[in-house]
C-alpha atoms as a PDB file:
ATOM      1  CA  MET A   1      28.823 -60.408  68.497  1.00  0.00           C
ATOM      2  CA  ASN A   2      30.480 -57.191  69.567  1.00  0.00           C
ATOM      3  CA  SER A   3      29.057 -53.653  69.492  1.00  0.00           C
ATOM      4  CA  THR A   4      31.085 -52.738  66.397  1.00  0.00           C
ATOM      5  CA  THR A   5      29.383 -55.510  64.393  1.00  0.00           C
ATOM      6  CA  ILE A   6      25.930 -54.422  65.574  1.00  0.00           C
ATOM      7  CA  THR A   7      26.649 -50.798  64.685  1.00  0.00           C
ATOM      8  CA  THR A   8      27.877 -51.779  61.202  1.00  0.00           C
ATOM      9  CA  GLU A   9      24.796 -53.934  60.586  1.00  0.00           C
ATOM     10  CA  GLN A  10      22.506 -51.145  61.801  1.00  0.00           C
ATOM     11  CA  GLU A  11      24.236 -48.655  59.498  1.00  0.00           C
ATOM     12  CA  GLN A  12      23.876 -51.042  56.550  1.00  0.00           C
ATOM     13  CA  THR A  13      20.191 -51.599  57.325  1.00  0.00           C
ATOM     14  CA  ARG A  14      19.588 -47.847  57.710  1.00  0.00           C
ATOM     15  CA  GLY A  15      21.526 -47.172  54.482  1.00  0.00           C
ATOM     16  CA  ALA A  16      19.429 -49.737  52.571  1.00  0.00           C
ATOM     17  CA  ALA A  17      16.204 -48.239  53.938  1.00  0.00           C
ATOM     18  CA  GLU A  18      17.308 -44.715  52.943  1.00  0.00           C
ATOM     19  CA  THR A  19      18.188 -45.946  49.439  1.00  0.00           C
ATOM     20  CA  ALA A  20      14.774 -47.632  49.092  1.00  0.00           C
ATOM     21  CA  THR A  21      13.027 -44.449  50.288  1.00  0.00           C
ATOM     22  CA  ALA A  22      15.010 -42.280  47.873  1.00  0.00           C
ATOM     23  CA  LYS A  23      14.207 -44.690  45.013  1.00  0.00           C
ATOM     24  CA  ALA A  24      10.499 -44.558  45.877  1.00  0.00           C
ATOM     25  CA  ARG A  25      10.662 -40.749  45.704  1.00  0.00           C
ATOM     26  CA  GLU A  26      12.333 -40.673  42.279  1.00  0.00           C
ATOM     27  CA  PRO A  27       9.972 -39.214  39.684  1.00  0.00           C
ATOM     28  CA  GLN A  28       8.140 -41.854  37.646  1.00  0.00           C
ATOM     29  CA  LEU A  29       6.959 -41.613  34.074  1.00  0.00           C
ATOM     30  CA  ARG A  30       3.278 -42.627  33.837  1.00  0.00           C
ATOM     31  CA  LEU A  31       0.510 -42.410  31.247  1.00  0.00           C
ATOM     32  CA  LEU A  32      -2.512 -40.289  32.131  1.00  0.00           C
ATOM     33  CA  VAL A  33      -5.658 -41.425  30.269  1.00  0.00           C
ATOM     34  CA  ALA A  34      -8.535 -39.037  29.538  1.00  0.00           C
ATOM     35  CA  PHE A  35     -11.963 -39.369  27.924  1.00  0.00           C
ATOM     36  CA  THR A  36     -13.171 -36.187  26.222  1.00  0.00           C
ATOM     37  CA  PRO A  37     -16.496 -35.820  24.390  1.00  0.00           C
ATOM     38  CA  LEU A  38     -16.028 -33.998  21.095  1.00  0.00           C
ATOM     39  CA  GLN A  39     -17.665 -30.570  20.934  1.00  0.00           C
ATOM     40  CA  SER A  40     -18.547 -30.992  17.264  1.00  0.00           C
ATOM     41  CA  ARG A  41     -20.072 -34.479  17.543  1.00  0.00           C
ATOM     42  CA  ASN A  42     -22.204 -35.568  20.484  1.00  0.00           C
ATOM     43  CA  ASP A  43     -21.873 -39.223  19.548  1.00  0.00           C
ATOM     44  CA  THR A  44     -18.054 -39.388  19.623  1.00  0.00           C
ATOM     45  CA  ILE A  45     -15.535 -39.411  22.451  1.00  0.00           C
ATOM     46  CA  GLU A  46     -11.767 -38.930  22.273  1.00  0.00           C
ATOM     47  CA  LEU A  47      -9.602 -41.377  24.198  1.00  0.00           C
ATOM     48  CA  ALA A  48      -6.119 -39.985  24.783  1.00  0.00           C
ATOM     49  CA  ALA A  49      -3.132 -40.825  26.936  1.00  0.00           C
ATOM     50  CA  GLU A  50      -0.190 -38.549  27.573  1.00  0.00           C
ATOM     51  CA  PRO A  51       3.007 -39.122  29.525  1.00  0.00           C
ATOM     52  CA  VAL A  52       3.315 -37.238  32.820  1.00  0.00           C
ATOM     53  CA  MET A  53       5.951 -37.193  35.556  1.00  0.00           C
ATOM     54  CA  VAL A  54       4.811 -38.181  39.044  1.00  0.00           C
ATOM     55  CA  SER A  55       6.971 -37.517  42.084  1.00  0.00           C
ATOM     56  CA  THR A  56       6.355 -38.134  45.761  1.00  0.00           C
ATOM     57  CA  ASP A  57       6.950 -35.288  48.205  1.00  0.00           C
ATOM     58  CA  ALA A  58       8.268 -35.651  51.773  1.00  0.00           C
ATOM     59  CA  ASP A  59       4.713 -36.004  53.153  1.00  0.00           C
ATOM     60  CA  GLY A  60       3.926 -38.892  50.791  1.00  0.00           C
ATOM     61  CA  GLY A  61       1.711 -36.788  48.517  1.00  0.00           C
ATOM     62  CA  GLU A  62       2.024 -37.069  44.751  1.00  0.00           C
ATOM     63  CA  GLN A  63       2.956 -34.236  42.432  1.00  0.00           C
ATOM     64  CA  VAL A  64       1.774 -34.745  38.835  1.00  0.00           C
ATOM     65  CA  ARG A  65       3.522 -32.622  36.201  1.00  0.00           C
ATOM     66  CA  ASN A  66       3.291 -32.242  32.446  1.00  0.00           C
ATOM     67  CA  LEU A  67       6.495 -32.987  30.585  1.00  0.00           C
ATOM     68  CA  LEU A  68       8.257 -29.926  29.199  1.00  0.00           C
ATOM     69  CA  PRO A  69       9.653 -29.959  25.655  1.00  0.00           C
ATOM     70  CA  ASP A  70      12.516 -27.545  26.375  1.00  0.00           C
ATOM     71  CA  GLY A  71      14.685 -26.119  29.128  1.00  0.00           C
ATOM     72  CA  PHE A  72      17.139 -27.930  31.368  1.00  0.00           C
ATOM     73  CA  ASP A  73      14.571 -30.634  32.183  1.00  0.00           C
ATOM     74  CA  GLY A  74      13.103 -30.968  28.695  1.00  0.00           C
ATOM     75  CA  HIS A  75      11.748 -34.427  27.945  1.00  0.00           C
ATOM     76  CA  PRO A  76      11.576 -36.188  24.538  1.00  0.00           C
ATOM     77  CA  LEU A  77       8.022 -37.447  25.283  1.00  0.00           C
ATOM     78  CA  ALA A  78       6.587 -33.974  25.944  1.00  0.00           C
ATOM     79  CA  ASP A  79       3.523 -33.327  23.709  1.00  0.00           C
ATOM     80  CA  LEU A  80       3.212 -37.037  22.798  1.00  0.00           C
ATOM     81  CA  LYS A  81      -0.373 -38.305  22.630  1.00  0.00           C
ATOM     82  CA  ILE A  82      -1.677 -41.820  22.102  1.00  0.00           C
ATOM     83  CA  ARG A  83      -5.235 -41.354  20.916  1.00  0.00           C
ATOM     84  CA  SER A  84      -8.334 -42.634  19.195  1.00  0.00           C
ATOM     85  CA  LEU A  85     -12.001 -41.797  18.803  1.00  0.00           C
ATOM     86  CA  ALA A  86     -14.896 -44.014  19.875  1.00  0.00           C
ATOM     87  CA  ASP A  87     -18.396 -43.873  18.436  1.00  0.00           C
ATOM     88  CA  HIS A  88     -21.474 -43.996  20.663  1.00  0.00           C
ATOM     89  CA  ASP A  89     -22.979 -46.687  18.463  1.00  0.00           C
ATOM     90  CA  PRO A  90     -21.177 -49.981  19.186  1.00  0.00           C
ATOM     91  CA  ALA A  91     -22.160 -51.208  15.706  1.00  0.00           C
ATOM     92  CA  ALA A  92     -19.758 -48.575  14.349  1.00  0.00           C
ATOM     93  CA  GLY A  93     -16.899 -50.494  15.940  1.00  0.00           C
ATOM     94  CA  LEU A  94     -15.031 -50.159  19.201  1.00  0.00           C
ATOM     95  CA  THR A  95     -12.779 -47.320  18.105  1.00  0.00           C
ATOM     96  CA  TYR A  96     -11.577 -45.390  15.099  1.00  0.00           C
ATOM     97  CA  PRO A  97      -7.985 -45.840  13.942  1.00  0.00           C
ATOM     98  CA  ASN A  98      -5.457 -45.397  16.732  1.00  0.00           C
ATOM     99  CA  SER A  99      -2.589 -42.937  16.478  1.00  0.00           C
ATOM    100  CA  VAL A 100       0.536 -41.980  18.333  1.00  0.00           C
ATOM    101  CA  GLU A 101       1.707 -38.477  17.494  1.00  0.00           C
ATOM    102  CA  TYR A 102       3.090 -35.242  18.837  1.00  0.00           C
ATOM    103  CA  ARG A 103       0.294 -32.682  19.194  1.00  0.00           C
ATOM    104  CA  GLU A 104       0.358 -28.986  19.990  1.00  0.00           C
ATOM    105  CA  SER A 105       4.134 -28.632  19.708  1.00  0.00           C
ATOM    106  CA  TYR A 106       4.385 -24.868  19.329  1.00  0.00           C
ATOM    107  CA  ALA A 107       8.160 -24.565  18.826  1.00  0.00           C
ATOM    108  CA  VAL A 108      10.455 -27.213  17.340  1.00  0.00           C
ATOM    109  CA  ASP A 109      14.177 -26.695  16.821  1.00  0.00           C
ATOM    110  CA  LEU A 110      16.549 -29.212  15.243  1.00  0.00           C
ATOM    111  CA  LYS A 111      17.318 -30.982  18.540  1.00  0.00           C
ATOM    112  CA  ARG A 112      13.618 -31.314  19.302  1.00  0.00           C
ATOM    113  CA  ALA A 113      12.847 -32.513  15.751  1.00  0.00           C
ATOM    114  CA  GLU A 114      15.495 -35.235  16.117  1.00  0.00           C
ATOM    115  CA  GLU A 115      14.007 -36.329  19.482  1.00  0.00           C
ATOM    116  CA  ILE A 116      10.523 -36.497  17.976  1.00  0.00           C
ATOM    117  CA  HIS A 117      11.775 -38.450  14.950  1.00  0.00           C
ATOM    118  CA  THR A 118      13.745 -40.907  17.101  1.00  0.00           C
ATOM    119  CA  THR A 119      10.798 -41.530  19.439  1.00  0.00           C
ATOM    120  CA  LEU A 120       8.263 -42.019  16.642  1.00  0.00           C
ATOM    121  CA  LYS A 121      10.597 -44.372  14.723  1.00  0.00           C
ATOM    122  CA  ARG A 122      11.218 -46.433  17.887  1.00  0.00           C
ATOM    123  CA  LEU A 123       7.470 -46.670  18.547  1.00  0.00           C
ATOM    124  CA  ASP A 124       6.728 -47.558  14.922  1.00  0.00           C
ATOM    125  CA  ARG A 125       9.330 -50.362  14.915  1.00  0.00           C
ATOM    126  CA  ALA A 126       8.022 -51.783  18.202  1.00  0.00           C
ATOM    127  CA  LEU A 127       4.358 -51.610  17.145  1.00  0.00           C
ATOM    128  CA  THR A 128       5.109 -53.153  13.728  1.00  0.00           C
ATOM    129  CA  ARG A 129       7.039 -56.017  15.362  1.00  0.00           C
ATOM    130  CA  VAL A 130       4.227 -56.772  17.844  1.00  0.00           C
ATOM    131  CA  GLU A 131       1.563 -56.527  15.133  1.00  0.00           C
ATOM    132  CA  GLY A 132       3.546 -59.042  13.057  1.00  0.00           C
ATOM    133  CA  GLU A 133       3.481 -61.444  16.016  1.00  0.00           C
ATOM    134  CA  LEU A 134      -0.007 -60.830  17.449  1.00  0.00           C
ATOM    135  CA  GLY A 135      -1.951 -59.166  14.649  1.00  0.00           C
ATOM    136  CA  PRO A 136      -3.563 -55.736  14.884  1.00  0.00           C
ATOM    137  CA  PRO A 137      -4.725 -54.511  18.310  1.00  0.00           C
ATOM    138  CA  GLU A 138      -8.409 -55.255  18.916  1.00  0.00           C
ATOM    139  CA  SER A 139      -9.064 -52.024  20.819  1.00  0.00           C
ATOM    140  CA  TYR A 140      -7.620 -48.687  21.873  1.00  0.00           C
ATOM    141  CA  ALA A 141      -6.724 -50.215  25.251  1.00  0.00           C
ATOM    142  CA  ALA A 142      -4.703 -52.955  23.535  1.00  0.00           C
ATOM    143  CA  TYR A 143      -2.973 -50.337  21.351  1.00  0.00           C
ATOM    144  CA  LEU A 144      -2.196 -48.195  24.398  1.00  0.00           C
ATOM    145  CA  ALA A 145      -0.748 -51.213  26.224  1.00  0.00           C
ATOM    146  CA  ARG A 146       1.555 -51.925  23.263  1.00  0.00           C
ATOM    147  CA  CYS A 147       2.715 -48.291  23.147  1.00  0.00           C
ATOM    148  CA  ALA A 148       3.336 -48.346  26.903  1.00  0.00           C
ATOM    149  CA  VAL A 149       5.553 -51.437  26.597  1.00  0.00           C
ATOM    150  CA  ALA A 150       7.563 -49.719  23.843  1.00  0.00           C
ATOM    151  CA  LEU A 151       7.919 -46.599  26.035  1.00  0.00           C
ATOM    152  CA  ARG A 152       8.731 -48.717  29.129  1.00  0.00           C
ATOM    153  CA  ILE A 153       5.840 -47.245  31.104  1.00  0.00           C
ATOM    154  CA  GLY A 154       3.874 -49.602  33.334  1.00  0.00           C
ATOM    155  CA  THR A 155       1.520 -47.336  35.289  1.00  0.00           C
ATOM    156  CA  PHE A 156      -1.655 -45.678  34.006  1.00  0.00           C
ATOM    157  CA  GLY A 157      -3.712 -42.975  35.669  1.00  0.00           C
ATOM    158  CA  PHE A 158      -7.328 -41.848  35.497  1.00  0.00           C
ATOM    159  CA  ARG A 159      -8.649 -38.579  36.915  1.00  0.00           C
ATOM    160  CA  VAL A 160     -11.280 -38.988  39.611  1.00  0.00           C
ATOM    161  CA  GLY A 161     -14.068 -36.409  39.578  1.00  0.00           C
ATOM    162  CA  GLU A 162     -14.206 -33.116  37.703  1.00  0.00           C
ATOM    163  CA  SER A 163     -11.078 -31.538  36.237  1.00  0.00           C
ATOM    164  CA  SER A 164      -9.714 -28.450  37.929  1.00  0.00           C
ATOM    165  CA  GLY A 165      -7.475 -27.590  34.978  1.00  0.00           C
ATOM    166  CA  TRP A 166      -4.326 -28.208  37.057  1.00  0.00           C
ATOM    167  CA  HIS A 167      -2.863 -31.704  37.522  1.00  0.00           C
ATOM    168  CA  ASP A 168      -1.990 -31.168  41.191  1.00  0.00           C
ATOM    169  CA  ARG A 169      -5.524 -30.107  42.091  1.00  0.00           C
ATOM    170  CA  ASN A 170      -7.028 -33.309  40.710  1.00  0.00           C
ATOM    171  CA  ALA A 171      -7.270 -36.736  42.311  1.00  0.00           C
ATOM    172  CA  TYR A 172      -6.050 -39.765  40.364  1.00  0.00           C
ATOM    173  CA  GLN A 173      -6.320 -43.520  40.523  1.00  0.00           C
ATOM    174  CA  TRP A 174      -3.253 -45.386  39.287  1.00  0.00           C
ATOM    175  CA  THR A 175      -3.302 -48.897  37.904  1.00  0.00           C
ATOM    176  CA  ASP A 176      -1.346 -51.507  35.969  1.00  0.00           C
ATOM    177  CA  PRO A 177      -1.952 -52.516  32.305  1.00  0.00           C
ATOM    178  CA  ALA A 178      -4.728 -55.016  33.160  1.00  0.00           C
ATOM    179  CA  GLY A 179      -6.507 -52.382  35.261  1.00  0.00           C
ATOM    180  CA  MET A 180      -6.121 -49.848  32.436  1.00  0.00           C
ATOM    181  CA  VAL A 181      -7.754 -52.189  29.912  1.00  0.00           C
ATOM    182  CA  SER A 182     -10.638 -52.881  32.289  1.00  0.00           C
ATOM    183  CA  ARG A 183     -11.089 -49.201  33.153  1.00  0.00           C
ATOM    184  CA  ILE A 184     -11.239 -48.100  29.493  1.00  0.00           C
ATOM    185  CA  HIS A 185     -13.721 -50.832  28.541  1.00  0.00           C
ATOM    186  CA  ASP A 186     -15.895 -50.018  31.593  1.00  0.00           C
ATOM    187  CA  HIS A 187     -15.886 -46.307  30.769  1.00  0.00           C
ATOM    188  CA  LEU A 188     -16.866 -46.930  27.145  1.00  0.00           C
ATOM    189  CA  SER A 189     -19.647 -49.315  28.206  1.00  0.00           C
ATOM    190  CA  ARG A 190     -21.091 -46.793  30.673  1.00  0.00           C
ATOM    191  CA  TRP A 191     -20.816 -43.956  28.132  1.00  0.00           C
ATOM    192  CA  ARG A 192     -22.548 -46.028  25.438  1.00  0.00           C
ATOM    193  CA  SER A 193     -25.343 -47.021  27.808  1.00  0.00           C
ATOM    194  CA  GLN A 194     -26.345 -43.336  28.132  1.00  0.00           C
ATOM    195  CA  SER A 195     -28.244 -41.589  25.364  1.00  0.00           C
ATOM    196  CA  PRO A 196     -26.117 -39.110  23.357  1.00  0.00           C
ATOM    197  CA  ARG A 197     -26.614 -35.480  24.306  1.00  0.00           C
END
């Protein structure tokens, strides 16, 4: 083997490693799940997931950003929420009806309205097809997993500790669909084991 062959192989290896590193740093769409007690009802909690963009900086730290509905980097999933309510009394059922909807969209032009319509129709078709095959989802976690498949999102996040109000000042744990289902059921079980305030 001559030095030219070694140099070419080294360049190919280095090029592949740089491509893999760049791919790992590409922003990823993930679903951030939150549990929020309702102010008006002490015995009810809101379960909601919203898409966020997560990128990795040069130091390996993660930057979590809300999706923006407009501008040069506007995203069709901005303001989308996948939500439900859960009652403190397990006899009332695991969760109230699930919903996927755009919430708190303060300005909608024709382009944005078309994006919203297209996304909701795509989700509705996918959820209807899966429900025809598997029946209705048995829980919010199952519903969220179905929505995530339709949106092609495979990573779910949960905030660790108290909220600072800013995504980048919070710590998160990321997991796959099975971990998400387990985490939601564990959270609901712990919440229901405490007396309502």
